[in-house]
């Protein structure tokens, strides 16, 4: 089943799309790899990132904008498919609920089984309030960071690939691209992978998690024509992990929980599967709107 109406399959359109995709694939690593190299050369450590020189911090966090910049370079024309289209509130609530359900399942299993320890000590507020603050106003900074990535992954890559392929195929490609984007960070920046966790293990589960989440992200984007549900999923995932889940887990259990943890990935996979009727039945609109 294709997401949205098929695009005209004319020769010039196909050629232009191929050129754009090729340009995107070349420009993105040109932006990312020097930024990572510079940050590492200046001693950036994600466990003590505030100790690094400001330019190095900017290089590290500026990577979040690289997909958007690469997409803009590749498109080189007016009419970029930004996707800032209004969607029903129910769609945004569904987008918010997917990562919330997945993380609740992951951390709940970890805490209840004793594989991880629930520890609210040291929180700046009671746990219920911490959850409410972390998962509503706490989304704001992560929405900004998600925008830089998702203008590239969802508004450019997904819509261009969606001209030729089904939404499921597009989701697989976008998920793998999203994972590969993080590989230099995880390989070379200290603190990106927790001590004691093999890098190959972290890369594997992060890649699986990225592909799992790419399915609702791509389907939301192609079927609603809007980037807003995509941003909500992405930002809620990050806020739920760092403002809520990890803050209440002491000591940390990086093999199981957090970004790329096996329980986190499994919980998100279950949530994505159980909510398929939400993201596969969004209101149909032109994919590139």
C-alpha atoms as a PDB file:
ATOM      1  CA  UNK A   1       0.000   0.000   0.000  1.00  0.00           C
ATOM      2  CA  UNK A   2       1.479   3.324  -1.035  1.00  0.00           C
ATOM      3  CA  UNK A   3       1.343   6.296   1.301  1.00  0.00           C
ATOM      4  CA  UNK A   4      -0.378   9.175  -0.441  1.00  0.00           C
ATOM      5  CA  UNK A   5      -1.094   9.657  -4.126  1.00  0.00           C
ATOM      6  CA  UNK A   6       1.595   8.502  -6.557  1.00  0.00           C
ATOM      7  CA  UNK A   7       3.796  11.144  -8.072  1.00  0.00           C
ATOM      8  CA  UNK A   8       3.981  11.503 -11.832  1.00  0.00           C
ATOM      9  CA  UNK A   9       6.634   9.084 -13.088  1.00  0.00           C
ATOM     10  CA  UNK A  10       8.239  11.302 -15.678  1.00  0.00           C
ATOM     11  CA  UNK A  11      11.862  10.997 -16.695  1.00  0.00           C
ATOM     12  CA  UNK A  12      12.940  14.528 -15.624  1.00  0.00           C
ATOM     13  CA  UNK A  13      11.312  14.104 -12.192  1.00  0.00           C
ATOM     14  CA  UNK A  14      13.143  10.819 -11.632  1.00  0.00           C
ATOM     15  CA  UNK A  15      16.438  12.338 -12.732  1.00  0.00           C
ATOM     16  CA  UNK A  16      16.009  15.365 -10.495  1.00  0.00           C
ATOM     17  CA  UNK A  17      15.113  13.211  -7.493  1.00  0.00           C
ATOM     18  CA  UNK A  18      18.136  10.972  -8.074  1.00  0.00           C
ATOM     19  CA  UNK A  19      20.410  14.009  -8.229  1.00  0.00           C
ATOM     20  CA  UNK A  20      18.941  15.371  -5.006  1.00  0.00           C
ATOM     21  CA  UNK A  21      19.339  12.067  -3.169  1.00  0.00           C
ATOM     22  CA  UNK A  22      22.927  11.705  -4.361  1.00  0.00           C
ATOM     23  CA  UNK A  23      23.779  15.242  -3.306  1.00  0.00           C
ATOM     24  CA  UNK A  24      22.227  14.651   0.110  1.00  0.00           C
ATOM     25  CA  UNK A  25      24.223  11.430   0.567  1.00  0.00           C
ATOM     26  CA  UNK A  26      27.482  13.236  -0.288  1.00  0.00           C
ATOM     27  CA  UNK A  27      26.941  16.481   1.613  1.00  0.00           C
ATOM     28  CA  UNK A  28      25.778  14.901   4.889  1.00  0.00           C
ATOM     29  CA  UNK A  29      29.045  13.097   5.778  1.00  0.00           C
ATOM     30  CA  UNK A  30      31.016  16.117   4.557  1.00  0.00           C
ATOM     31  CA  UNK A  31      29.246  18.099   7.278  1.00  0.00           C
ATOM     32  CA  UNK A  32      29.267  15.467  10.015  1.00  0.00           C
ATOM     33  CA  UNK A  33      32.732  13.915   9.878  1.00  0.00           C
ATOM     34  CA  UNK A  34      34.788  17.141  10.226  1.00  0.00           C
ATOM     35  CA  UNK A  35      32.511  18.279  13.066  1.00  0.00           C
ATOM     36  CA  UNK A  36      33.078  15.033  14.949  1.00  0.00           C
ATOM     37  CA  UNK A  37      36.822  15.154  14.258  1.00  0.00           C
ATOM     38  CA  UNK A  38      37.061  18.723  15.542  1.00  0.00           C
ATOM     39  CA  UNK A  39      35.032  17.956  18.681  1.00  0.00           C
ATOM     40  CA  UNK A  40      37.188  14.928  19.472  1.00  0.00           C
ATOM     41  CA  UNK A  41      40.400  16.885  18.846  1.00  0.00           C
ATOM     42  CA  UNK A  42      39.273  19.469  21.401  1.00  0.00           C
ATOM     43  CA  UNK A  43      38.615  16.835  24.049  1.00  0.00           C
ATOM     44  CA  UNK A  44      34.827  16.648  24.018  1.00  0.00           C
ATOM     45  CA  UNK A  45      33.479  14.005  26.381  1.00  0.00           C
ATOM     46  CA  UNK A  46      29.699  13.593  26.557  1.00  0.00           C
ATOM     47  CA  UNK A  47      29.943  12.828  30.266  1.00  0.00           C
ATOM     48  CA  UNK A  48      31.567  16.239  30.823  1.00  0.00           C
ATOM     49  CA  UNK A  49      30.532  18.122  27.725  1.00  0.00           C
ATOM     50  CA  UNK A  50      30.297  21.409  29.622  1.00  0.00           C
ATOM     51  CA  UNK A  51      34.057  21.309  30.215  1.00  0.00           C
ATOM     52  CA  UNK A  52      34.834  21.393  26.484  1.00  0.00           C
ATOM     53  CA  UNK A  53      35.572  24.659  24.631  1.00  0.00           C
ATOM     54  CA  UNK A  54      32.441  26.362  23.356  1.00  0.00           C
ATOM     55  CA  UNK A  55      33.374  25.936  19.652  1.00  0.00           C
ATOM     56  CA  UNK A  56      33.770  22.210  20.231  1.00  0.00           C
ATOM     57  CA  UNK A  57      30.373  22.038  21.923  1.00  0.00           C
ATOM     58  CA  UNK A  58      28.820  23.928  19.020  1.00  0.00           C
ATOM     59  CA  UNK A  59      30.414  21.519  16.549  1.00  0.00           C
ATOM     60  CA  UNK A  60      29.026  18.562  18.488  1.00  0.00           C
ATOM     61  CA  UNK A  61      25.482  19.822  18.921  1.00  0.00           C
ATOM     62  CA  UNK A  62      25.484  21.484  15.524  1.00  0.00           C
ATOM     63  CA  UNK A  63      25.421  18.032  13.960  1.00  0.00           C
ATOM     64  CA  UNK A  64      21.702  17.980  14.664  1.00  0.00           C
ATOM     65  CA  UNK A  65      21.335  20.574  11.908  1.00  0.00           C
ATOM     66  CA  UNK A  66      23.407  18.638   9.372  1.00  0.00           C
ATOM     67  CA  UNK A  67      20.500  16.671   7.801  1.00  0.00           C
ATOM     68  CA  UNK A  68      18.520  19.891   7.305  1.00  0.00           C
ATOM     69  CA  UNK A  69      21.512  21.692   5.764  1.00  0.00           C
ATOM     70  CA  UNK A  70      22.297  18.731   3.488  1.00  0.00           C
ATOM     71  CA  UNK A  71      18.658  18.621   2.398  1.00  0.00           C
ATOM     72  CA  UNK A  72      18.645  22.339   1.607  1.00  0.00           C
ATOM     73  CA  UNK A  73      21.812  21.979  -0.472  1.00  0.00           C
ATOM     74  CA  UNK A  74      20.353  18.998  -2.303  1.00  0.00           C
ATOM     75  CA  UNK A  75      17.007  20.620  -3.030  1.00  0.00           C
ATOM     76  CA  UNK A  76      18.359  23.954  -4.301  1.00  0.00           C
ATOM     77  CA  UNK A  77      14.949  25.234  -5.295  1.00  0.00           C
ATOM     78  CA  UNK A  78      11.845  26.916  -3.969  1.00  0.00           C
ATOM     79  CA  UNK A  79       9.061  24.719  -2.742  1.00  0.00           C
ATOM     80  CA  UNK A  80      11.058  22.671  -0.234  1.00  0.00           C
ATOM     81  CA  UNK A  81       8.581  20.278   1.449  1.00  0.00           C
ATOM     82  CA  UNK A  82       8.864  21.741   4.951  1.00  0.00           C
ATOM     83  CA  UNK A  83       5.732  20.035   6.190  1.00  0.00           C
ATOM     84  CA  UNK A  84       4.579  22.743   8.600  1.00  0.00           C
ATOM     85  CA  UNK A  85       0.972  21.748   8.050  1.00  0.00           C
ATOM     86  CA  UNK A  86      -1.626  21.659  10.793  1.00  0.00           C
ATOM     87  CA  UNK A  87      -2.855  18.261  11.880  1.00  0.00           C
ATOM     88  CA  UNK A  88      -5.668  17.285  14.249  1.00  0.00           C
ATOM     89  CA  UNK A  89      -4.799  17.336  17.944  1.00  0.00           C
ATOM     90  CA  UNK A  90      -5.614  13.620  18.093  1.00  0.00           C
ATOM     91  CA  UNK A  91      -2.794  12.908  15.640  1.00  0.00           C
ATOM     92  CA  UNK A  92      -0.292  14.774  17.826  1.00  0.00           C
ATOM     93  CA  UNK A  93      -1.541  12.943  20.923  1.00  0.00           C
ATOM     94  CA  UNK A  94      -1.098   9.627  19.131  1.00  0.00           C
ATOM     95  CA  UNK A  95       2.440  10.644  18.148  1.00  0.00           C
ATOM     96  CA  UNK A  96       3.181  11.600  21.765  1.00  0.00           C
ATOM     97  CA  UNK A  97       1.694   8.397  23.162  1.00  0.00           C
ATOM     98  CA  UNK A  98       3.839   6.002  21.077  1.00  0.00           C
ATOM     99  CA  UNK A  99       7.206   6.734  22.743  1.00  0.00           C
ATOM    100  CA  UNK A 100       5.532   7.293  26.127  1.00  0.00           C
ATOM    101  CA  UNK A 101       3.982   3.818  25.986  1.00  0.00           C
ATOM    102  CA  UNK A 102       7.197   2.222  24.763  1.00  0.00           C
ATOM    103  CA  UNK A 103       9.342   3.827  27.447  1.00  0.00           C
ATOM    104  CA  UNK A 104       6.792   3.101  30.180  1.00  0.00           C
ATOM    105  CA  UNK A 105       6.882  -0.548  29.174  1.00  0.00           C
ATOM    106  CA  UNK A 106      10.692  -0.671  29.009  1.00  0.00           C
ATOM    107  CA  UNK A 107      11.415   1.092  32.279  1.00  0.00           C
ATOM    108  CA  UNK A 108       8.463  -0.548  34.004  1.00  0.00           C
ATOM    109  CA  UNK A 109       9.746  -4.019  33.142  1.00  0.00           C
ATOM    110  CA  UNK A 110      13.262  -3.049  34.208  1.00  0.00           C
ATOM    111  CA  UNK A 111      12.131  -1.669  37.567  1.00  0.00           C
ATOM    112  CA  UNK A 112       9.574  -4.388  38.378  1.00  0.00           C
ATOM    113  CA  UNK A 113      11.920  -7.261  37.572  1.00  0.00           C
ATOM    114  CA  UNK A 114      14.855  -5.776  39.442  1.00  0.00           C
ATOM    115  CA  UNK A 115      16.969  -5.608  36.291  1.00  0.00           C
ATOM    116  CA  UNK A 116      17.145  -1.862  36.934  1.00  0.00           C
ATOM    117  CA  UNK A 117      16.499   0.152  40.087  1.00  0.00           C
ATOM    118  CA  UNK A 118      13.796   2.781  40.454  1.00  0.00           C
ATOM    119  CA  UNK A 119      15.364   5.547  42.528  1.00  0.00           C
ATOM    120  CA  UNK A 120      13.536   8.886  42.826  1.00  0.00           C
ATOM    121  CA  UNK A 121      16.083  10.182  45.360  1.00  0.00           C
ATOM    122  CA  UNK A 122      17.630  13.436  44.287  1.00  0.00           C
ATOM    123  CA  UNK A 123      14.841  14.419  41.905  1.00  0.00           C
ATOM    124  CA  UNK A 124      14.001  18.144  41.982  1.00  0.00           C
ATOM    125  CA  UNK A 125      10.275  17.332  42.347  1.00  0.00           C
ATOM    126  CA  UNK A 126       7.982  14.380  43.162  1.00  0.00           C
ATOM    127  CA  UNK A 127       8.045  11.607  40.517  1.00  0.00           C
ATOM    128  CA  UNK A 128       4.500  12.222  39.146  1.00  0.00           C
ATOM    129  CA  UNK A 129       5.260  15.915  38.677  1.00  0.00           C
ATOM    130  CA  UNK A 130       8.645  15.041  37.179  1.00  0.00           C
ATOM    131  CA  UNK A 131       6.892  12.863  34.604  1.00  0.00           C
ATOM    132  CA  UNK A 132       4.364  15.591  33.757  1.00  0.00           C
ATOM    133  CA  UNK A 133       7.001  18.305  33.421  1.00  0.00           C
ATOM    134  CA  UNK A 134       9.420  16.101  31.504  1.00  0.00           C
ATOM    135  CA  UNK A 135       6.871  14.889  28.984  1.00  0.00           C
ATOM    136  CA  UNK A 136       5.105  18.193  28.254  1.00  0.00           C
ATOM    137  CA  UNK A 137       7.184  21.398  28.676  1.00  0.00           C
ATOM    138  CA  UNK A 138      10.296  19.216  28.695  1.00  0.00           C
ATOM    139  CA  UNK A 139       9.729  18.536  24.996  1.00  0.00           C
ATOM    140  CA  UNK A 140      10.643  22.100  23.994  1.00  0.00           C
ATOM    141  CA  UNK A 141      14.465  21.806  23.704  1.00  0.00           C
ATOM    142  CA  UNK A 142      14.207  18.419  22.032  1.00  0.00           C
ATOM    143  CA  UNK A 143      11.720  19.746  19.468  1.00  0.00           C
ATOM    144  CA  UNK A 144      14.391  22.234  18.349  1.00  0.00           C
ATOM    145  CA  UNK A 145      17.055  19.539  18.044  1.00  0.00           C
ATOM    146  CA  UNK A 146      14.647  17.142  16.322  1.00  0.00           C
ATOM    147  CA  UNK A 147      13.750  19.782  13.736  1.00  0.00           C
ATOM    148  CA  UNK A 148      17.276  19.898  12.325  1.00  0.00           C
ATOM    149  CA  UNK A 149      17.339  16.146  11.860  1.00  0.00           C
ATOM    150  CA  UNK A 150      13.782  15.590  10.692  1.00  0.00           C
ATOM    151  CA  UNK A 151      13.809  18.273   8.017  1.00  0.00           C
ATOM    152  CA  UNK A 152      16.437  16.021   6.466  1.00  0.00           C
ATOM    153  CA  UNK A 153      15.064  12.567   7.295  1.00  0.00           C
ATOM    154  CA  UNK A 154      11.324  13.189   7.023  1.00  0.00           C
ATOM    155  CA  UNK A 155      10.703  16.296   4.961  1.00  0.00           C
ATOM    156  CA  UNK A 156      13.434  15.576   2.417  1.00  0.00           C
ATOM    157  CA  UNK A 157      14.550  11.939   2.377  1.00  0.00           C
ATOM    158  CA  UNK A 158      11.169  10.367   3.154  1.00  0.00           C
ATOM    159  CA  UNK A 159       9.219  12.481   0.686  1.00  0.00           C
ATOM    160  CA  UNK A 160      11.753  11.988  -2.127  1.00  0.00           C
ATOM    161  CA  UNK A 161      11.914   8.230  -1.613  1.00  0.00           C
ATOM    162  CA  UNK A 162       8.139   8.180  -1.195  1.00  0.00           C
ATOM    163  CA  UNK A 163       7.795   9.215  -4.832  1.00  0.00           C
ATOM    164  CA  UNK A 164       9.046   5.776  -5.876  1.00  0.00           C
ATOM    165  CA  UNK A 165       8.628   3.345  -2.982  1.00  0.00           C
ATOM    166  CA  UNK A 166       6.081   2.178  -0.448  1.00  0.00           C
ATOM    167  CA  UNK A 167       6.081   3.757   2.987  1.00  0.00           C
ATOM    168  CA  UNK A 168       7.453   0.579   4.570  1.00  0.00           C
ATOM    169  CA  UNK A 169      10.460   0.506   2.234  1.00  0.00           C
ATOM    170  CA  UNK A 170      11.043   4.204   2.864  1.00  0.00           C
ATOM    171  CA  UNK A 171      10.887   3.612   6.631  1.00  0.00           C
ATOM    172  CA  UNK A 172      13.559   0.926   6.418  1.00  0.00           C
ATOM    173  CA  UNK A 173      15.894   3.194   4.425  1.00  0.00           C
ATOM    174  CA  UNK A 174      15.268   6.239   6.630  1.00  0.00           C
ATOM    175  CA  UNK A 175      15.792   4.190   9.794  1.00  0.00           C
ATOM    176  CA  UNK A 176      19.122   2.857   8.566  1.00  0.00           C
ATOM    177  CA  UNK A 177      20.219   6.334   7.445  1.00  0.00           C
ATOM    178  CA  UNK A 178      19.229   7.749  10.828  1.00  0.00           C
ATOM    179  CA  UNK A 179      21.300   5.080  12.581  1.00  0.00           C
ATOM    180  CA  UNK A 180      24.327   5.562  10.304  1.00  0.00           C
ATOM    181  CA  UNK A 181      24.224   9.290  10.998  1.00  0.00           C
ATOM    182  CA  UNK A 182      25.003   8.529  14.667  1.00  0.00           C
ATOM    183  CA  UNK A 183      27.801   6.021  14.012  1.00  0.00           C
ATOM    184  CA  UNK A 184      30.704   8.542  13.985  1.00  0.00           C
ATOM    185  CA  UNK A 185      29.481  10.003  17.266  1.00  0.00           C
ATOM    186  CA  UNK A 186      29.182   6.572  18.898  1.00  0.00           C
ATOM    187  CA  UNK A 187      32.520   5.354  17.555  1.00  0.00           C
ATOM    188  CA  UNK A 188      34.742   8.323  18.301  1.00  0.00           C
ATOM    189  CA  UNK A 189      33.234  10.632  20.938  1.00  0.00           C
ATOM    190  CA  UNK A 190      33.972   9.560  24.518  1.00  0.00           C
ATOM    191  CA  UNK A 191      30.842   9.123  26.596  1.00  0.00           C
ATOM    192  CA  UNK A 192      28.575   8.406  23.634  1.00  0.00           C
ATOM    193  CA  UNK A 193      28.613   4.722  24.614  1.00  0.00           C
ATOM    194  CA  UNK A 194      28.453   3.918  28.325  1.00  0.00           C
ATOM    195  CA  UNK A 195      31.519   2.353  29.961  1.00  0.00           C
ATOM    196  CA  UNK A 196      31.451  -1.425  29.881  1.00  0.00           C
ATOM    197  CA  UNK A 197      29.006  -1.632  26.972  1.00  0.00           C
ATOM    198  CA  UNK A 198      30.618  -2.996  23.779  1.00  0.00           C
ATOM    199  CA  UNK A 199      30.391  -0.489  20.971  1.00  0.00           C
ATOM    200  CA  UNK A 200      29.113  -3.162  18.559  1.00  0.00           C
ATOM    201  CA  UNK A 201      26.285  -3.986  20.982  1.00  0.00           C
ATOM    202  CA  UNK A 202      25.331  -0.323  21.335  1.00  0.00           C
ATOM    203  CA  UNK A 203      25.408   0.215  17.567  1.00  0.00           C
ATOM    204  CA  UNK A 204      23.285  -2.862  16.901  1.00  0.00           C
ATOM    205  CA  UNK A 205      20.470  -1.984  19.284  1.00  0.00           C
ATOM    206  CA  UNK A 206      20.546   1.699  18.367  1.00  0.00           C
ATOM    207  CA  UNK A 207      20.164   0.742  14.701  1.00  0.00           C
ATOM    208  CA  UNK A 208      17.238  -1.572  15.451  1.00  0.00           C
ATOM    209  CA  UNK A 209      15.607   1.127  17.557  1.00  0.00           C
ATOM    210  CA  UNK A 210      16.046   3.696  14.776  1.00  0.00           C
ATOM    211  CA  UNK A 211      14.423   1.411  12.212  1.00  0.00           C
ATOM    212  CA  UNK A 212      11.536   0.596  14.562  1.00  0.00           C
ATOM    213  CA  UNK A 213      10.787   4.274  15.159  1.00  0.00           C
ATOM    214  CA  UNK A 214      11.193   5.160  11.493  1.00  0.00           C
ATOM    215  CA  UNK A 215       7.955   3.342  10.664  1.00  0.00           C
ATOM    216  CA  UNK A 216       5.575   5.685  12.529  1.00  0.00           C
ATOM    217  CA  UNK A 217       7.757   8.678  11.632  1.00  0.00           C
ATOM    218  CA  UNK A 218       7.640   7.984   7.901  1.00  0.00           C
ATOM    219  CA  UNK A 219       3.989   6.964   7.834  1.00  0.00           C
ATOM    220  CA  UNK A 220       2.957  10.069   9.757  1.00  0.00           C
ATOM    221  CA  UNK A 221       4.967  12.279   7.403  1.00  0.00           C
ATOM    222  CA  UNK A 222       3.840  10.727   4.142  1.00  0.00           C
ATOM    223  CA  UNK A 223       0.187  10.314   5.032  1.00  0.00           C
ATOM    224  CA  UNK A 224      -0.481  13.602   6.839  1.00  0.00           C
ATOM    225  CA  UNK A 225       1.904  15.785   4.849  1.00  0.00           C
ATOM    226  CA  UNK A 226       3.024  17.266   8.187  1.00  0.00           C
ATOM    227  CA  UNK A 227       6.284  17.214  10.111  1.00  0.00           C
ATOM    228  CA  UNK A 228       4.621  18.010  13.454  1.00  0.00           C
ATOM    229  CA  UNK A 229       3.748  14.415  14.445  1.00  0.00           C
ATOM    230  CA  UNK A 230       7.297  13.392  13.501  1.00  0.00           C
ATOM    231  CA  UNK A 231       8.816  16.055  15.740  1.00  0.00           C
ATOM    232  CA  UNK A 232       6.548  15.063  18.613  1.00  0.00           C
ATOM    233  CA  UNK A 233       7.595  11.390  18.397  1.00  0.00           C
ATOM    234  CA  UNK A 234      11.300  12.255  18.227  1.00  0.00           C
ATOM    235  CA  UNK A 235      11.236  14.879  20.983  1.00  0.00           C
ATOM    236  CA  UNK A 236       9.070  12.796  23.317  1.00  0.00           C
ATOM    237  CA  UNK A 237      11.453   9.854  22.972  1.00  0.00           C
ATOM    238  CA  UNK A 238      14.451  11.960  24.005  1.00  0.00           C
ATOM    239  CA  UNK A 239      12.640  13.807  26.793  1.00  0.00           C
ATOM    240  CA  UNK A 240      11.184  10.561  28.106  1.00  0.00           C
ATOM    241  CA  UNK A 241      14.613   8.944  28.276  1.00  0.00           C
ATOM    242  CA  UNK A 242      16.691  11.805  29.661  1.00  0.00           C
ATOM    243  CA  UNK A 243      14.209  13.877  31.697  1.00  0.00           C
ATOM    244  CA  UNK A 244      12.219  10.961  33.100  1.00  0.00           C
ATOM    245  CA  UNK A 245      13.482   7.390  32.694  1.00  0.00           C
ATOM    246  CA  UNK A 246      17.197   7.872  33.247  1.00  0.00           C
ATOM    247  CA  UNK A 247      16.647  10.471  35.958  1.00  0.00           C
ATOM    248  CA  UNK A 248      14.691   7.895  37.982  1.00  0.00           C
ATOM    249  CA  UNK A 249      17.051   4.962  37.395  1.00  0.00           C
ATOM    250  CA  UNK A 250      20.022   4.615  39.734  1.00  0.00           C
ATOM    251  CA  UNK A 251      22.464   3.119  39.052  1.00  0.00           C
ATOM    252  CA  UNK A 252      22.139   3.305  35.294  1.00  0.00           C
ATOM    253  CA  UNK A 253      21.515   0.116  33.332  1.00  0.00           C
ATOM    254  CA  UNK A 254      22.953   1.007  29.901  1.00  0.00           C
ATOM    255  CA  UNK A 255      22.802  -2.553  28.563  1.00  0.00           C
ATOM    256  CA  UNK A 256      19.046  -2.522  29.076  1.00  0.00           C
ATOM    257  CA  UNK A 257      17.749   1.040  29.204  1.00  0.00           C
ATOM    258  CA  UNK A 258      18.452   4.411  27.651  1.00  0.00           C
ATOM    259  CA  UNK A 259      19.069   5.051  23.971  1.00  0.00           C
ATOM    260  CA  UNK A 260      19.904   1.729  22.359  1.00  0.00           C
ATOM    261  CA  UNK A 261      19.175  -0.382  25.449  1.00  0.00           C
ATOM    262  CA  UNK A 262      17.639  -3.739  24.628  1.00  0.00           C
ATOM    263  CA  UNK A 263      14.592  -3.183  26.886  1.00  0.00           C
ATOM    264  CA  UNK A 264      14.073   0.296  25.442  1.00  0.00           C
ATOM    265  CA  UNK A 265      14.188  -1.084  21.921  1.00  0.00           C
ATOM    266  CA  UNK A 266      11.831  -3.948  22.763  1.00  0.00           C
ATOM    267  CA  UNK A 267       9.377  -1.656  24.546  1.00  0.00           C
ATOM    268  CA  UNK A 268       9.297   0.757  21.612  1.00  0.00           C
ATOM    269  CA  UNK A 269       8.843  -2.123  19.156  1.00  0.00           C
ATOM    270  CA  UNK A 270       5.813  -3.361  21.094  1.00  0.00           C
ATOM    271  CA  UNK A 271       4.352   0.154  21.293  1.00  0.00           C
ATOM    272  CA  UNK A 272       4.869   0.760  17.571  1.00  0.00           C
ATOM    273  CA  UNK A 273       3.233  -2.561  16.691  1.00  0.00           C
ATOM    274  CA  UNK A 274       0.237  -2.037  18.996  1.00  0.00           C
ATOM    275  CA  UNK A 275      -0.402   1.509  17.722  1.00  0.00           C
ATOM    276  CA  UNK A 276      -0.087   0.712  14.007  1.00  0.00           C
ATOM    277  CA  UNK A 277      -3.722   1.625  13.398  1.00  0.00           C
ATOM    278  CA  UNK A 278      -2.948   5.171  14.573  1.00  0.00           C
ATOM    279  CA  UNK A 279      -0.031   5.958  12.323  1.00  0.00           C
ATOM    280  CA  UNK A 280      -1.105   3.848   9.325  1.00  0.00           C
ATOM    281  CA  UNK A 281      -4.552   5.439   9.200  1.00  0.00           C
ATOM    282  CA  UNK A 282      -3.660   9.106   9.404  1.00  0.00           C
ATOM    283  CA  UNK A 283      -5.485  11.525   7.141  1.00  0.00           C
ATOM    284  CA  UNK A 284      -4.197  11.145   3.569  1.00  0.00           C
ATOM    285  CA  UNK A 285      -2.556  14.230   2.055  1.00  0.00           C
ATOM    286  CA  UNK A 286       0.049  14.861  -0.621  1.00  0.00           C
ATOM    287  CA  UNK A 287       3.302  13.371   0.632  1.00  0.00           C
ATOM    288  CA  UNK A 288       5.459  16.402  -0.081  1.00  0.00           C
ATOM    289  CA  UNK A 289       3.123  19.050   1.298  1.00  0.00           C
END
